[in-house]
N, C-alpha and C. Protein backbone atom coordinates (compact mmCIF):
# COMPACT_ATOMS: atom_id res chain seq x y z
N MET A 1 77.30 225.04 89.87
CA MET A 1 76.97 226.46 89.78
C MET A 1 76.86 226.83 88.30
N SER A 2 75.66 226.93 87.83
CA SER A 2 75.43 227.27 86.44
C SER A 2 74.31 228.30 86.37
N PHE A 3 74.50 229.29 85.53
CA PHE A 3 73.45 230.30 85.36
C PHE A 3 73.55 230.88 83.97
N GLN A 4 72.45 231.41 83.49
CA GLN A 4 72.38 231.96 82.14
C GLN A 4 72.56 233.48 82.12
N SER A 5 72.26 234.13 83.24
CA SER A 5 72.38 235.59 83.30
C SER A 5 72.66 236.01 84.73
N ILE A 6 73.14 237.22 84.88
CA ILE A 6 73.40 237.77 86.21
C ILE A 6 72.07 238.12 86.85
N PRO A 7 71.80 237.64 88.05
CA PRO A 7 70.54 237.97 88.71
C PRO A 7 70.42 239.48 88.96
N ILE A 8 69.25 240.03 88.67
CA ILE A 8 68.96 241.43 88.94
C ILE A 8 67.83 241.45 89.97
N LEU A 9 68.14 241.92 91.16
CA LEU A 9 67.16 241.93 92.24
C LEU A 9 66.59 243.33 92.42
N ASP A 10 65.31 243.39 92.61
CA ASP A 10 64.60 244.66 92.80
C ASP A 10 64.46 244.89 94.30
N LEU A 11 65.23 245.83 94.83
CA LEU A 11 65.25 246.08 96.27
C LEU A 11 63.90 246.59 96.78
N SER A 12 63.11 247.17 95.91
CA SER A 12 61.79 247.65 96.36
C SER A 12 60.92 246.49 96.84
N LEU A 13 61.18 245.27 96.34
CA LEU A 13 60.43 244.10 96.80
C LEU A 13 60.71 243.80 98.27
N ALA A 14 61.89 244.14 98.74
CA ALA A 14 62.26 243.88 100.14
C ALA A 14 61.53 244.83 101.09
N ARG A 15 61.06 245.94 100.58
CA ARG A 15 60.39 246.94 101.43
C ARG A 15 58.90 246.67 101.60
N ASN A 16 58.39 245.71 100.84
CA ASN A 16 56.96 245.40 100.88
C ASN A 16 56.77 244.04 101.55
N PRO A 17 56.05 243.98 102.67
CA PRO A 17 55.85 242.70 103.36
C PRO A 17 55.28 241.59 102.47
N ALA A 18 54.49 241.95 101.48
CA ALA A 18 53.88 240.96 100.60
C ALA A 18 54.89 240.32 99.65
N THR A 19 55.98 241.02 99.35
CA THR A 19 56.96 240.51 98.38
C THR A 19 58.34 240.29 98.99
N LYS A 20 58.47 240.56 100.29
CA LYS A 20 59.79 240.44 100.94
C LYS A 20 60.34 239.02 100.85
N SER A 21 59.53 238.00 101.08
CA SER A 21 60.03 236.63 101.04
C SER A 21 60.50 236.25 99.62
N GLU A 22 59.81 236.76 98.60
CA GLU A 22 60.24 236.54 97.22
C GLU A 22 61.62 237.14 97.00
N PHE A 23 61.82 238.37 97.49
CA PHE A 23 63.12 239.02 97.37
C PHE A 23 64.20 238.21 98.08
N LEU A 24 63.92 237.77 99.31
CA LEU A 24 64.91 237.02 100.09
C LEU A 24 65.26 235.69 99.43
N ASP A 25 64.28 235.03 98.83
CA ASP A 25 64.55 233.79 98.08
C ASP A 25 65.48 234.06 96.90
N SER A 26 65.21 235.15 96.19
CA SER A 26 66.05 235.52 95.04
C SER A 26 67.46 235.90 95.50
N LEU A 27 67.53 236.61 96.62
CA LEU A 27 68.84 237.01 97.16
C LEU A 27 69.65 235.77 97.56
N ARG A 28 69.00 234.86 98.25
CA ARG A 28 69.67 233.62 98.67
C ARG A 28 70.20 232.87 97.45
N HIS A 29 69.38 232.73 96.44
CA HIS A 29 69.80 232.03 95.22
C HIS A 29 71.00 232.73 94.58
N ALA A 30 70.91 234.04 94.45
CA ALA A 30 71.99 234.80 93.80
C ALA A 30 73.30 234.64 94.56
N LEU A 31 73.24 234.72 95.87
CA LEU A 31 74.46 234.65 96.68
C LEU A 31 75.04 233.23 96.74
N LEU A 32 74.18 232.24 96.89
CA LEU A 32 74.67 230.87 97.07
C LEU A 32 74.93 230.14 95.76
N GLU A 33 74.16 230.43 94.74
CA GLU A 33 74.28 229.68 93.50
C GLU A 33 75.06 230.41 92.41
N VAL A 34 75.02 231.73 92.42
CA VAL A 34 75.69 232.50 91.37
C VAL A 34 76.94 233.18 91.92
N GLY A 35 76.82 233.81 93.07
CA GLY A 35 77.98 234.45 93.68
C GLY A 35 78.03 235.95 93.53
N PHE A 36 77.18 236.51 92.72
CA PHE A 36 77.11 237.95 92.58
C PHE A 36 75.76 238.32 91.98
N LEU A 37 75.45 239.62 92.00
CA LEU A 37 74.14 240.07 91.54
C LEU A 37 74.16 241.57 91.29
N TYR A 38 73.14 242.04 90.61
CA TYR A 38 72.87 243.47 90.47
C TYR A 38 71.66 243.78 91.32
N ILE A 39 71.63 244.97 91.89
CA ILE A 39 70.44 245.41 92.63
C ILE A 39 69.92 246.67 91.96
N LYS A 40 68.62 246.68 91.69
CA LYS A 40 67.99 247.88 91.12
C LYS A 40 66.99 248.43 92.11
N ASN A 41 66.55 249.66 91.85
CA ASN A 41 65.59 250.36 92.72
C ASN A 41 66.08 250.43 94.16
N THR A 42 67.33 250.90 94.30
CA THR A 42 67.94 250.99 95.62
C THR A 42 67.47 252.19 96.42
N GLY A 43 66.96 253.19 95.72
CA GLY A 43 66.58 254.42 96.40
C GLY A 43 67.73 255.41 96.47
N ILE A 44 68.88 255.02 95.94
CA ILE A 44 70.05 255.91 95.92
C ILE A 44 69.98 256.72 94.62
N ASP A 45 70.12 258.02 94.74
CA ASP A 45 69.99 258.87 93.54
C ASP A 45 71.18 258.69 92.60
N ASP A 46 70.94 258.93 91.31
CA ASP A 46 71.95 258.73 90.28
C ASP A 46 73.21 259.56 90.50
N ASP A 47 73.05 260.79 91.00
CA ASP A 47 74.23 261.63 91.24
C ASP A 47 75.15 261.01 92.28
N SER A 48 74.58 260.42 93.33
CA SER A 48 75.41 259.78 94.36
C SER A 48 76.13 258.56 93.79
N ILE A 49 75.45 257.79 92.97
CA ILE A 49 76.07 256.62 92.35
C ILE A 49 77.23 257.05 91.45
N LYS A 50 77.01 258.08 90.66
CA LYS A 50 78.07 258.59 89.77
C LYS A 50 79.26 259.10 90.57
N GLU A 51 78.99 259.74 91.70
CA GLU A 51 80.07 260.25 92.55
C GLU A 51 80.90 259.11 93.12
N VAL A 52 80.25 258.05 93.58
CA VAL A 52 80.97 256.89 94.12
C VAL A 52 81.83 256.23 93.04
N ILE A 53 81.28 256.09 91.85
CA ILE A 53 82.03 255.50 90.73
C ILE A 53 83.25 256.36 90.41
N SER A 54 83.05 257.66 90.38
CA SER A 54 84.15 258.58 90.10
C SER A 54 85.25 258.49 91.15
N GLU A 55 84.86 258.42 92.42
CA GLU A 55 85.84 258.28 93.50
C GLU A 55 86.60 256.96 93.38
N GLY A 56 85.90 255.90 93.03
CA GLY A 56 86.55 254.60 92.86
C GLY A 56 87.56 254.62 91.73
N VAL A 57 87.19 255.20 90.60
CA VAL A 57 88.11 255.32 89.48
C VAL A 57 89.31 256.17 89.89
N GLY A 58 89.04 257.26 90.60
CA GLY A 58 90.13 258.12 91.07
C GLY A 58 91.10 257.37 91.97
N PHE A 59 90.57 256.51 92.84
CA PHE A 59 91.44 255.73 93.72
C PHE A 59 92.34 254.79 92.91
N PHE A 60 91.77 254.08 91.97
CA PHE A 60 92.57 253.13 91.20
C PHE A 60 93.53 253.82 90.25
N ASP A 61 93.33 255.10 89.97
CA ASP A 61 94.27 255.86 89.16
C ASP A 61 95.45 256.38 89.98
N LEU A 62 95.38 256.29 91.31
CA LEU A 62 96.48 256.76 92.16
C LEU A 62 97.72 255.90 91.96
N PRO A 63 98.91 256.48 92.18
CA PRO A 63 100.12 255.66 92.17
C PRO A 63 100.06 254.64 93.31
N THR A 64 100.71 253.52 93.10
CA THR A 64 100.69 252.44 94.09
C THR A 64 101.12 252.92 95.46
N GLU A 65 102.12 253.77 95.53
CA GLU A 65 102.62 254.26 96.82
C GLU A 65 101.52 254.98 97.60
N LYS A 66 100.70 255.75 96.90
CA LYS A 66 99.60 256.47 97.55
C LYS A 66 98.56 255.49 98.08
N LYS A 67 98.29 254.43 97.31
CA LYS A 67 97.33 253.43 97.75
C LYS A 67 97.81 252.75 99.03
N PHE A 68 99.12 252.48 99.11
CA PHE A 68 99.67 251.83 100.30
C PHE A 68 99.53 252.72 101.54
N GLU A 69 99.48 254.02 101.36
CA GLU A 69 99.34 254.93 102.51
C GLU A 69 98.00 254.73 103.22
N ILE A 70 97.00 254.32 102.48
CA ILE A 70 95.68 254.13 103.09
C ILE A 70 95.29 252.65 103.15
N GLU A 71 96.29 251.78 103.07
CA GLU A 71 96.05 250.35 103.12
C GLU A 71 95.33 249.96 104.40
N MET A 72 94.37 249.07 104.29
CA MET A 72 93.56 248.67 105.44
C MET A 72 94.39 248.16 106.61
N LYS A 73 95.51 247.49 106.33
CA LYS A 73 96.29 246.94 107.43
C LYS A 73 96.87 248.04 108.32
N ASN A 74 96.84 249.28 107.86
CA ASN A 74 97.31 250.40 108.68
C ASN A 74 96.25 250.87 109.67
N ALA A 75 95.03 250.38 109.53
CA ALA A 75 93.95 250.77 110.44
C ALA A 75 94.02 249.89 111.70
N PRO A 76 93.84 250.48 112.89
CA PRO A 76 93.91 249.70 114.12
C PRO A 76 92.87 248.58 114.19
N SER A 77 91.78 248.73 113.48
CA SER A 77 90.73 247.72 113.53
C SER A 77 90.88 246.63 112.49
N PHE A 78 91.93 246.69 111.67
CA PHE A 78 92.10 245.74 110.58
C PHE A 78 92.34 244.33 111.09
N LEU A 79 91.55 243.38 110.62
CA LEU A 79 91.70 241.98 111.00
C LEU A 79 91.84 241.07 109.78
N GLY A 80 91.90 241.64 108.59
CA GLY A 80 91.91 240.83 107.37
C GLY A 80 93.28 240.51 106.83
N PRO A 81 93.32 239.99 105.61
CA PRO A 81 94.58 239.59 105.00
C PRO A 81 95.40 240.79 104.55
N SER A 82 96.65 240.56 104.30
CA SER A 82 97.51 241.61 103.77
C SER A 82 98.01 241.16 102.40
N ILE A 83 98.97 241.87 101.85
CA ILE A 83 99.47 241.59 100.51
C ILE A 83 99.95 240.15 100.42
N ALA A 84 99.58 239.48 99.35
CA ALA A 84 100.01 238.11 99.12
C ALA A 84 101.31 238.11 98.32
N TYR A 85 102.36 237.60 98.90
CA TYR A 85 103.64 237.46 98.22
C TYR A 85 103.95 235.99 98.07
N SER A 86 104.65 235.64 97.03
CA SER A 86 105.02 234.24 96.82
C SER A 86 106.37 234.17 96.14
N LYS A 87 107.16 233.19 96.54
CA LYS A 87 108.40 232.93 95.81
C LYS A 87 108.03 232.20 94.53
N SER A 88 108.72 232.51 93.48
CA SER A 88 108.47 231.86 92.21
C SER A 88 109.75 231.18 91.75
N SER A 89 109.65 230.00 91.17
CA SER A 89 110.84 229.25 90.78
C SER A 89 111.63 229.94 89.67
N ASN A 90 111.00 230.84 88.93
CA ASN A 90 111.72 231.51 87.86
C ASN A 90 112.27 232.88 88.29
N LYS A 91 112.23 233.16 89.59
CA LYS A 91 112.76 234.41 90.13
C LYS A 91 114.07 234.14 90.83
N LYS A 92 114.84 235.19 91.03
CA LYS A 92 116.10 235.08 91.75
C LYS A 92 115.82 234.76 93.22
N PRO A 93 116.82 234.19 93.93
CA PRO A 93 116.62 233.94 95.37
C PRO A 93 116.20 235.22 96.09
N ASN A 94 115.27 235.10 97.00
CA ASN A 94 114.75 236.21 97.80
C ASN A 94 113.96 237.23 96.98
N GLU A 95 113.61 236.91 95.74
CA GLU A 95 112.75 237.79 94.95
C GLU A 95 111.33 237.26 95.01
N PHE A 96 110.38 238.14 95.33
CA PHE A 96 109.01 237.73 95.52
C PHE A 96 108.10 238.35 94.47
N VAL A 97 107.00 237.69 94.24
CA VAL A 97 105.97 238.21 93.34
C VAL A 97 104.85 238.77 94.20
N ASN A 98 104.45 240.00 93.92
CA ASN A 98 103.34 240.62 94.63
C ASN A 98 102.07 240.32 93.84
N TYR A 99 101.14 239.57 94.45
CA TYR A 99 99.92 239.19 93.77
C TYR A 99 98.77 240.15 94.00
N ARG A 100 99.03 241.26 94.68
CA ARG A 100 97.97 242.23 94.91
C ARG A 100 97.64 242.93 93.59
N ILE A 101 96.35 243.10 93.37
CA ILE A 101 95.90 243.83 92.18
C ILE A 101 95.43 245.20 92.66
N LEU A 102 96.12 246.23 92.24
CA LEU A 102 95.74 247.59 92.61
C LEU A 102 95.49 248.40 91.37
């Protein structure tokens, strides 16, 4: 897995039958070979994007206790992982390290 730059995909290409396969090839490459990408020309207005970013920053600024109140594992539909804890040899007996990044 080697790349020189982060792939930037133009979503407008996916909306055009003549360029859709080009977009899908680029998407496949970005996901399988690079692991992440940027998407441009999404059709989402700048104000909505700024609002989402602001909400995200606001969430991460919350105290940890508040974040735990809305933890996904509290949702009835949650099927994913929960907080990763591990014993560490340099910790006291029964002391765990919380590896969650909040």
